Amino acid sequence: MKALVQRVDHASVSVDGEVIGQIGAGLLVLVGAGRADTGADAEALARKVVGLRIFPDEDGRFNRSLIDSGGAMLVVSQFTLYADVRRGRRPSFTEAARPEQAEQLVEEFVEAVRALGVEVETGRFGAMMEVDLRNNGPFTLMVETAAGRVV
């Protein structure tokens, strides 16, 4: 699985002009699932993202995790994280999980994050979504798993 993690002051996701998920300070996480991914990948990714020490402490050093900072997470499914653009100009998505598998894995990721004690809002799987955010920093990371472990 892949996650594009953005530290935000606030973020929201809308479908057809209606806000369906929003958070204050925390993380916007765009999550994609690959064909070879399993539930172990979803759980490993959740533990890694929640535990990332990317929030500043009182001295301005990155020593706090999402839980330490009291932030929330907005999760938006994003199959395009698996785009392969090495050939030609049209992206290939052959490594992305099929929709049924991807939806299940993204849900497992969300549930694993909730089980770690984080408030989670989500987008709507398969919908055309509009995401609004104010990136804090900006601070953006790519986190990936393989065979149930973070690489």
N, C-alpha and C. Protein backbone atom coordinates (compact mmCIF):
# COMPACT_ATOMS: atom_id res chain seq x y z
N MET A 1 0.85 -1.18 0.00
CA MET A 1 0.00 0.00 0.00
C MET A 1 0.89 1.23 0.00
N LYS A 2 0.30 2.33 -0.45
CA LYS A 2 1.00 3.60 -0.48
C LYS A 2 0.14 4.65 0.20
N ALA A 3 0.81 5.56 0.91
CA ALA A 3 0.12 6.67 1.55
C ALA A 3 0.91 7.94 1.32
N LEU A 4 0.25 8.93 0.80
CA LEU A 4 0.82 10.26 0.71
C LEU A 4 0.29 11.02 1.92
N VAL A 5 1.18 11.35 2.84
CA VAL A 5 0.81 11.92 4.13
C VAL A 5 1.13 13.41 4.13
N GLN A 6 0.12 14.22 4.42
CA GLN A 6 0.32 15.66 4.47
C GLN A 6 -0.12 16.18 5.84
N ARG A 7 0.79 16.89 6.48
CA ARG A 7 0.44 17.53 7.75
C ARG A 7 -0.38 18.77 7.40
N VAL A 8 -1.54 18.91 8.02
CA VAL A 8 -2.45 20.00 7.66
C VAL A 8 -2.94 20.77 8.87
N ASP A 9 -3.30 22.03 8.63
CA ASP A 9 -3.98 22.83 9.64
C ASP A 9 -5.47 22.49 9.64
N HIS A 10 -5.98 22.17 8.44
CA HIS A 10 -7.36 21.69 8.28
C HIS A 10 -7.48 21.08 6.89
N ALA A 11 -8.45 20.19 6.74
CA ALA A 11 -8.70 19.56 5.44
C ALA A 11 -10.14 19.09 5.39
N SER A 12 -10.67 19.04 4.18
CA SER A 12 -12.03 18.53 3.99
C SER A 12 -12.12 17.85 2.63
N VAL A 13 -13.13 16.99 2.51
CA VAL A 13 -13.40 16.32 1.25
C VAL A 13 -14.89 16.46 0.96
N SER A 14 -15.20 16.76 -0.30
CA SER A 14 -16.58 16.97 -0.73
C SER A 14 -16.91 16.08 -1.90
N VAL A 15 -18.18 15.70 -1.98
CA VAL A 15 -18.73 14.97 -3.13
C VAL A 15 -19.98 15.73 -3.57
N ASP A 16 -20.04 16.07 -4.84
CA ASP A 16 -21.18 16.82 -5.38
C ASP A 16 -21.48 18.08 -4.58
N GLY A 17 -20.43 18.79 -4.15
CA GLY A 17 -20.59 20.04 -3.43
C GLY A 17 -20.92 19.90 -1.96
N GLU A 18 -21.06 18.67 -1.46
CA GLU A 18 -21.39 18.45 -0.05
C GLU A 18 -20.15 17.94 0.69
N VAL A 19 -19.80 18.62 1.78
CA VAL A 19 -18.67 18.18 2.60
C VAL A 19 -19.07 16.90 3.30
N ILE A 20 -18.27 15.83 3.07
CA ILE A 20 -18.59 14.54 3.69
C ILE A 20 -17.57 14.14 4.77
N GLY A 21 -16.47 14.87 4.84
CA GLY A 21 -15.48 14.61 5.88
C GLY A 21 -14.60 15.83 6.05
N GLN A 22 -14.30 16.17 7.31
CA GLN A 22 -13.42 17.31 7.54
C GLN A 22 -12.74 17.16 8.89
N ILE A 23 -11.52 17.72 8.96
CA ILE A 23 -10.75 17.71 10.20
C ILE A 23 -10.11 19.07 10.42
N GLY A 24 -9.71 19.30 11.65
CA GLY A 24 -8.86 20.44 11.96
C GLY A 24 -7.42 20.01 11.78
N ALA A 25 -6.56 20.38 12.70
CA ALA A 25 -5.15 20.03 12.61
C ALA A 25 -4.95 18.53 12.66
N GLY A 26 -4.05 18.04 11.83
CA GLY A 26 -3.76 16.60 11.79
C GLY A 26 -3.13 16.20 10.49
N LEU A 27 -3.59 15.07 9.95
CA LEU A 27 -3.03 14.53 8.73
C LEU A 27 -4.10 14.27 7.68
N LEU A 28 -3.82 14.69 6.46
CA LEU A 28 -4.58 14.26 5.30
C LEU A 28 -3.77 13.11 4.70
N VAL A 29 -4.39 11.95 4.57
CA VAL A 29 -3.67 10.78 4.06
C VAL A 29 -4.39 10.26 2.82
N LEU A 30 -3.71 10.36 1.67
CA LEU A 30 -4.21 9.77 0.44
C LEU A 30 -3.68 8.35 0.40
N VAL A 31 -4.58 7.36 0.31
CA VAL A 31 -4.20 5.95 0.43
C VAL A 31 -4.53 5.20 -0.85
N GLY A 32 -3.54 4.45 -1.35
CA GLY A 32 -3.73 3.60 -2.52
C GLY A 32 -3.37 2.16 -2.18
N ALA A 33 -4.07 1.23 -2.78
CA ALA A 33 -3.81 -0.20 -2.55
C ALA A 33 -3.32 -0.82 -3.85
N GLY A 34 -2.32 -1.69 -3.72
CA GLY A 34 -1.78 -2.40 -4.87
C GLY A 34 -2.32 -3.82 -4.96
N ARG A 35 -2.14 -4.43 -6.10
CA ARG A 35 -2.66 -5.77 -6.36
C ARG A 35 -2.16 -6.81 -5.37
N ALA A 36 -0.93 -6.67 -4.90
CA ALA A 36 -0.33 -7.67 -4.01
C ALA A 36 -0.56 -7.36 -2.53
N ASP A 37 -1.24 -6.27 -2.22
CA ASP A 37 -1.41 -5.86 -0.82
C ASP A 37 -2.42 -6.73 -0.08
N THR A 38 -2.21 -6.82 1.24
CA THR A 38 -3.07 -7.62 2.11
C THR A 38 -3.46 -6.78 3.33
N GLY A 39 -4.27 -7.38 4.19
CA GLY A 39 -4.64 -6.72 5.44
C GLY A 39 -3.43 -6.41 6.30
N ALA A 40 -2.39 -7.23 6.22
CA ALA A 40 -1.16 -6.96 6.98
C ALA A 40 -0.53 -5.65 6.53
N ASP A 41 -0.61 -5.36 5.24
CA ASP A 41 -0.09 -4.09 4.73
C ASP A 41 -0.90 -2.92 5.28
N ALA A 42 -2.22 -3.07 5.31
CA ALA A 42 -3.08 -2.00 5.83
C ALA A 42 -2.76 -1.71 7.29
N GLU A 43 -2.57 -2.74 8.09
CA GLU A 43 -2.26 -2.56 9.51
C GLU A 43 -0.87 -1.96 9.70
N ALA A 44 0.12 -2.43 8.95
CA ALA A 44 1.48 -1.89 9.06
C ALA A 44 1.51 -0.42 8.67
N LEU A 45 0.80 -0.09 7.60
CA LEU A 45 0.76 1.30 7.15
C LEU A 45 0.10 2.18 8.20
N ALA A 46 -0.99 1.71 8.79
CA ALA A 46 -1.68 2.48 9.83
C ALA A 46 -0.76 2.75 11.01
N ARG A 47 -0.08 1.72 11.49
CA ARG A 47 0.83 1.89 12.63
C ARG A 47 1.94 2.90 12.31
N LYS A 48 2.49 2.80 11.11
CA LYS A 48 3.59 3.69 10.72
C LYS A 48 3.11 5.14 10.64
N VAL A 49 2.01 5.37 9.94
CA VAL A 49 1.53 6.73 9.75
C VAL A 49 1.15 7.37 11.08
N VAL A 50 0.42 6.65 11.90
CA VAL A 50 0.00 7.19 13.19
C VAL A 50 1.21 7.48 14.08
N GLY A 51 2.24 6.67 13.98
CA GLY A 51 3.41 6.83 14.83
C GLY A 51 4.47 7.78 14.33
N LEU A 52 4.34 8.29 13.12
CA LEU A 52 5.35 9.21 12.59
C LEU A 52 5.49 10.43 13.50
N ARG A 53 6.70 10.73 13.87
CA ARG A 53 6.97 11.89 14.72
C ARG A 53 7.25 13.09 13.81
N ILE A 54 6.17 13.72 13.37
CA ILE A 54 6.28 14.81 12.41
C ILE A 54 5.60 16.09 12.88
N PHE A 55 5.20 16.10 14.15
CA PHE A 55 4.60 17.30 14.73
C PHE A 55 5.58 17.91 15.71
N PRO A 56 5.68 19.24 15.73
CA PRO A 56 6.67 19.89 16.58
C PRO A 56 6.31 19.84 18.07
N ASP A 57 7.35 19.74 18.90
CA ASP A 57 7.17 19.86 20.34
C ASP A 57 7.32 21.34 20.71
N GLU A 58 7.38 21.63 22.00
CA GLU A 58 7.48 23.02 22.45
C GLU A 58 8.77 23.70 22.00
N ASP A 59 9.79 22.91 21.62
CA ASP A 59 11.04 23.47 21.13
C ASP A 59 11.11 23.54 19.61
N GLY A 60 10.01 23.16 18.94
CA GLY A 60 9.97 23.21 17.50
C GLY A 60 10.58 22.00 16.81
N ARG A 61 10.97 20.99 17.59
CA ARG A 61 11.56 19.76 17.01
C ARG A 61 10.45 18.75 16.71
N PHE A 62 10.64 17.98 15.67
CA PHE A 62 9.65 16.97 15.29
C PHE A 62 9.76 15.77 16.21
N ASN A 63 9.06 15.86 17.33
CA ASN A 63 9.10 14.80 18.34
C ASN A 63 7.73 14.24 18.67
N ARG A 64 6.68 14.76 18.08
CA ARG A 64 5.32 14.32 18.43
C ARG A 64 4.66 13.59 17.27
N SER A 65 3.93 12.55 17.64
CA SER A 65 3.15 11.80 16.67
C SER A 65 1.76 12.43 16.56
N LEU A 66 0.93 11.89 15.71
CA LEU A 66 -0.45 12.36 15.57
C LEU A 66 -1.19 12.22 16.90
N ILE A 67 -0.99 11.10 17.58
CA ILE A 67 -1.65 10.88 18.87
C ILE A 67 -1.14 11.88 19.90
N ASP A 68 0.17 12.08 19.94
CA ASP A 68 0.76 13.04 20.89
C ASP A 68 0.22 14.45 20.68
N SER A 69 -0.03 14.80 19.42
CA SER A 69 -0.47 16.15 19.11
C SER A 69 -1.98 16.32 19.25
N GLY A 70 -2.71 15.20 19.39
CA GLY A 70 -4.16 15.27 19.52
C GLY A 70 -4.87 15.55 18.21
N GLY A 71 -4.18 15.31 17.10
CA GLY A 71 -4.76 15.59 15.79
C GLY A 71 -5.66 14.49 15.28
N ALA A 72 -6.34 14.77 14.20
CA ALA A 72 -7.24 13.82 13.54
C ALA A 72 -6.66 13.45 12.17
N MET A 73 -7.30 12.51 11.51
CA MET A 73 -6.85 12.09 10.18
C MET A 73 -8.04 12.08 9.21
N LEU A 74 -7.79 12.61 8.02
CA LEU A 74 -8.74 12.53 6.92
C LEU A 74 -8.14 11.58 5.90
N VAL A 75 -8.82 10.47 5.63
CA VAL A 75 -8.34 9.45 4.70
C VAL A 75 -9.15 9.51 3.41
N VAL A 76 -8.43 9.61 2.30
CA VAL A 76 -9.06 9.67 0.99
C VAL A 76 -8.42 8.60 0.12
N SER A 77 -9.22 7.70 -0.44
CA SER A 77 -8.68 6.66 -1.32
C SER A 77 -8.16 7.30 -2.60
N GLN A 78 -7.03 6.78 -3.10
CA GLN A 78 -6.36 7.41 -4.24
C GLN A 78 -5.62 6.35 -5.05
N PHE A 79 -6.33 5.69 -5.97
CA PHE A 79 -5.69 4.64 -6.76
C PHE A 79 -4.58 5.19 -7.66
N THR A 80 -4.63 6.49 -7.95
CA THR A 80 -3.63 7.06 -8.84
C THR A 80 -2.22 7.09 -8.24
N LEU A 81 -2.09 6.79 -6.95
CA LEU A 81 -0.75 6.66 -6.36
C LEU A 81 0.01 5.50 -7.01
N TYR A 82 -0.72 4.59 -7.66
CA TYR A 82 -0.09 3.45 -8.33
C TYR A 82 0.12 3.68 -9.82
N ALA A 83 0.02 4.92 -10.27
CA ALA A 83 0.23 5.23 -11.69
C ALA A 83 1.67 4.94 -12.09
N ASP A 84 1.82 4.31 -13.24
CA ASP A 84 3.14 4.07 -13.82
C ASP A 84 3.23 4.95 -15.07
N VAL A 85 4.17 5.89 -15.05
CA VAL A 85 4.30 6.84 -16.15
C VAL A 85 5.64 6.68 -16.87
N ARG A 86 6.26 5.52 -16.71
CA ARG A 86 7.57 5.31 -17.33
C ARG A 86 7.49 5.23 -18.85
N ARG A 87 6.39 4.78 -19.39
CA ARG A 87 6.26 4.65 -20.85
C ARG A 87 5.15 5.55 -21.35
N GLY A 88 5.43 6.29 -22.38
CA GLY A 88 4.42 7.13 -23.02
C GLY A 88 3.95 8.26 -22.12
N ARG A 89 2.77 8.78 -22.44
CA ARG A 89 2.22 9.91 -21.71
C ARG A 89 0.93 9.58 -20.98
N ARG A 90 0.41 8.38 -21.20
CA ARG A 90 -0.81 7.97 -20.52
C ARG A 90 -0.44 7.06 -19.36
N PRO A 91 -0.82 7.42 -18.13
CA PRO A 91 -0.49 6.57 -16.98
C PRO A 91 -1.13 5.19 -17.09
N SER A 92 -0.41 4.20 -16.61
CA SER A 92 -0.93 2.84 -16.51
C SER A 92 -1.22 2.57 -15.04
N PHE A 93 -2.31 1.88 -14.77
CA PHE A 93 -2.71 1.58 -13.40
C PHE A 93 -2.77 0.08 -13.15
N THR A 94 -1.99 -0.69 -13.89
CA THR A 94 -2.07 -2.14 -13.78
C THR A 94 -1.64 -2.67 -12.42
N GLU A 95 -0.85 -1.92 -11.67
CA GLU A 95 -0.42 -2.38 -10.35
C GLU A 95 -1.39 -2.00 -9.23
N ALA A 96 -2.38 -1.18 -9.55
CA ALA A 96 -3.39 -0.82 -8.55
C ALA A 96 -4.32 -2.00 -8.31
N ALA A 97 -4.79 -2.13 -7.08
CA ALA A 97 -5.73 -3.20 -6.73
C ALA A 97 -7.05 -2.98 -7.46
N ARG A 98 -7.75 -4.08 -7.72
CA ARG A 98 -9.10 -3.99 -8.28
C ARG A 98 -9.98 -3.24 -7.27
N PRO A 99 -11.02 -2.56 -7.72
CA PRO A 99 -11.83 -1.74 -6.81
C PRO A 99 -12.33 -2.48 -5.55
N GLU A 100 -12.79 -3.71 -5.70
CA GLU A 100 -13.33 -4.43 -4.54
C GLU A 100 -12.24 -4.66 -3.49
N GLN A 101 -11.07 -5.08 -3.95
CA GLN A 101 -9.94 -5.32 -3.06
C GLN A 101 -9.46 -4.01 -2.44
N ALA A 102 -9.35 -2.97 -3.24
CA ALA A 102 -8.86 -1.68 -2.76
C ALA A 102 -9.80 -1.10 -1.71
N GLU A 103 -11.09 -1.18 -1.95
CA GLU A 103 -12.05 -0.64 -0.99
C GLU A 103 -11.91 -1.35 0.36
N GLN A 104 -11.77 -2.66 0.33
CA GLN A 104 -11.60 -3.43 1.57
C GLN A 104 -10.32 -3.04 2.29
N LEU A 105 -9.22 -2.89 1.56
CA LEU A 105 -7.94 -2.55 2.18
C LEU A 105 -7.93 -1.13 2.76
N VAL A 106 -8.54 -0.21 2.06
CA VAL A 106 -8.62 1.16 2.58
C VAL A 106 -9.46 1.15 3.86
N GLU A 107 -10.55 0.41 3.88
CA GLU A 107 -11.37 0.31 5.08
C GLU A 107 -10.59 -0.33 6.23
N GLU A 108 -9.79 -1.35 5.94
CA GLU A 108 -8.97 -1.97 6.97
C GLU A 108 -7.95 -0.97 7.51
N PHE A 109 -7.38 -0.14 6.64
CA PHE A 109 -6.47 0.90 7.08
C PHE A 109 -7.18 1.86 8.03
N VAL A 110 -8.37 2.32 7.66
CA VAL A 110 -9.15 3.25 8.48
C VAL A 110 -9.45 2.63 9.84
N GLU A 111 -9.90 1.39 9.85
CA GLU A 111 -10.23 0.72 11.11
C GLU A 111 -9.00 0.54 11.98
N ALA A 112 -7.86 0.25 11.39
CA ALA A 112 -6.62 0.10 12.16
C ALA A 112 -6.21 1.43 12.78
N VAL A 113 -6.39 2.53 12.05
CA VAL A 113 -6.08 3.85 12.60
C VAL A 113 -7.01 4.17 13.76
N ARG A 114 -8.29 3.89 13.59
CA ARG A 114 -9.26 4.13 14.68
C ARG A 114 -8.91 3.29 15.91
N ALA A 115 -8.50 2.05 15.69
CA ALA A 115 -8.14 1.17 16.80
C ALA A 115 -6.94 1.71 17.58
N LEU A 116 -6.13 2.54 16.93
CA LEU A 116 -4.98 3.15 17.60
C LEU A 116 -5.37 4.42 18.35
N GLY A 117 -6.66 4.77 18.31
CA GLY A 117 -7.15 5.89 19.09
C GLY A 117 -7.23 7.22 18.38
N VAL A 118 -7.20 7.20 17.06
CA VAL A 118 -7.22 8.44 16.28
C VAL A 118 -8.62 8.66 15.72
N GLU A 119 -9.10 9.90 15.79
CA GLU A 119 -10.35 10.28 15.14
C GLU A 119 -10.11 10.30 13.64
N VAL A 120 -10.98 9.61 12.87
CA VAL A 120 -10.79 9.50 11.42
C VAL A 120 -12.06 9.93 10.69
N GLU A 121 -11.86 10.76 9.69
CA GLU A 121 -12.90 11.11 8.73
C GLU A 121 -12.46 10.52 7.39
N THR A 122 -13.41 10.28 6.48
CA THR A 122 -13.05 9.67 5.20
C THR A 122 -13.77 10.32 4.04
N GLY A 123 -13.22 10.04 2.86
CA GLY A 123 -13.91 10.38 1.63
C GLY A 123 -14.88 9.26 1.30
N ARG A 124 -15.33 9.21 0.05
CA ARG A 124 -16.24 8.16 -0.40
C ARG A 124 -15.55 7.37 -1.50
N PHE A 125 -15.33 6.11 -1.27
CA PHE A 125 -14.60 5.27 -2.21
C PHE A 125 -15.26 5.30 -3.58
N GLY A 126 -14.46 5.52 -4.61
CA GLY A 126 -14.94 5.48 -5.99
C GLY A 126 -15.64 6.73 -6.47
N ALA A 127 -15.84 7.69 -5.58
CA ALA A 127 -16.54 8.92 -5.98
C ALA A 127 -15.54 9.93 -6.52
N MET A 128 -16.03 10.85 -7.33
CA MET A 128 -15.25 12.01 -7.75
C MET A 128 -15.27 12.97 -6.57
N MET A 129 -14.10 13.20 -5.97
CA MET A 129 -14.04 14.00 -4.75
C MET A 129 -13.23 15.26 -4.97
N GLU A 130 -13.55 16.27 -4.20
CA GLU A 130 -12.78 17.51 -4.15
C GLU A 130 -12.19 17.59 -2.76
N VAL A 131 -10.88 17.74 -2.70
CA VAL A 131 -10.17 17.81 -1.43
C VAL A 131 -9.61 19.21 -1.24
N ASP A 132 -9.95 19.82 -0.12
CA ASP A 132 -9.42 21.14 0.25
C ASP A 132 -8.55 20.96 1.47
N LEU A 133 -7.40 21.66 1.48
CA LEU A 133 -6.51 21.56 2.62
C LEU A 133 -5.62 22.78 2.73
N ARG A 134 -5.14 22.97 3.93
CA ARG A 134 -4.03 23.91 4.12
C ARG A 134 -2.89 23.07 4.68
N ASN A 135 -1.89 22.85 3.83
CA ASN A 135 -0.73 22.06 4.19
C ASN A 135 0.10 22.85 5.19
N ASN A 136 0.48 22.24 6.29
CA ASN A 136 1.25 22.89 7.33
C ASN A 136 2.72 22.56 7.14
N GLY A 137 3.50 23.53 6.81
CA GLY A 137 4.94 23.32 6.61
C GLY A 137 5.43 24.00 5.34
N PRO A 138 5.12 23.50 4.20
CA PRO A 138 4.42 22.25 3.91
C PRO A 138 5.25 21.04 4.32
N PHE A 139 4.54 20.00 4.69
CA PHE A 139 5.17 18.78 5.16
C PHE A 139 4.43 17.61 4.53
N THR A 140 5.08 16.93 3.58
CA THR A 140 4.46 15.84 2.84
C THR A 140 5.43 14.67 2.75
N LEU A 141 4.94 13.46 3.04
CA LEU A 141 5.76 12.25 3.00
C LEU A 141 5.05 11.16 2.22
N MET A 142 5.85 10.28 1.56
CA MET A 142 5.31 9.09 0.93
C MET A 142 5.73 7.90 1.79
N VAL A 143 4.76 7.06 2.17
CA VAL A 143 5.03 5.87 2.97
C VAL A 143 4.49 4.68 2.20
N GLU A 144 5.28 3.61 2.09
CA GLU A 144 4.88 2.43 1.33
C GLU A 144 5.10 1.17 2.14
N THR A 145 4.32 0.14 1.83
CA THR A 145 4.49 -1.16 2.45
C THR A 145 4.77 -2.19 1.37
N ALA A 146 5.32 -3.31 1.80
CA ALA A 146 5.51 -4.48 0.95
C ALA A 146 5.51 -5.70 1.85
N ALA A 147 4.70 -6.67 1.53
CA ALA A 147 4.62 -7.92 2.29
C ALA A 147 4.40 -7.66 3.77
N GLY A 148 3.49 -6.73 4.11
CA GLY A 148 3.12 -6.50 5.48
C GLY A 148 4.12 -5.70 6.30
N ARG A 149 5.09 -5.09 5.65
CA ARG A 149 6.04 -4.27 6.40
C ARG A 149 6.27 -2.96 5.64
N VAL A 150 6.65 -1.95 6.37
CA VAL A 150 6.89 -0.64 5.77
C VAL A 150 8.28 -0.64 5.17
N VAL A 151 8.38 -0.16 3.93
CA VAL A 151 9.68 -0.10 3.24
C VAL A 151 10.12 1.34 3.06
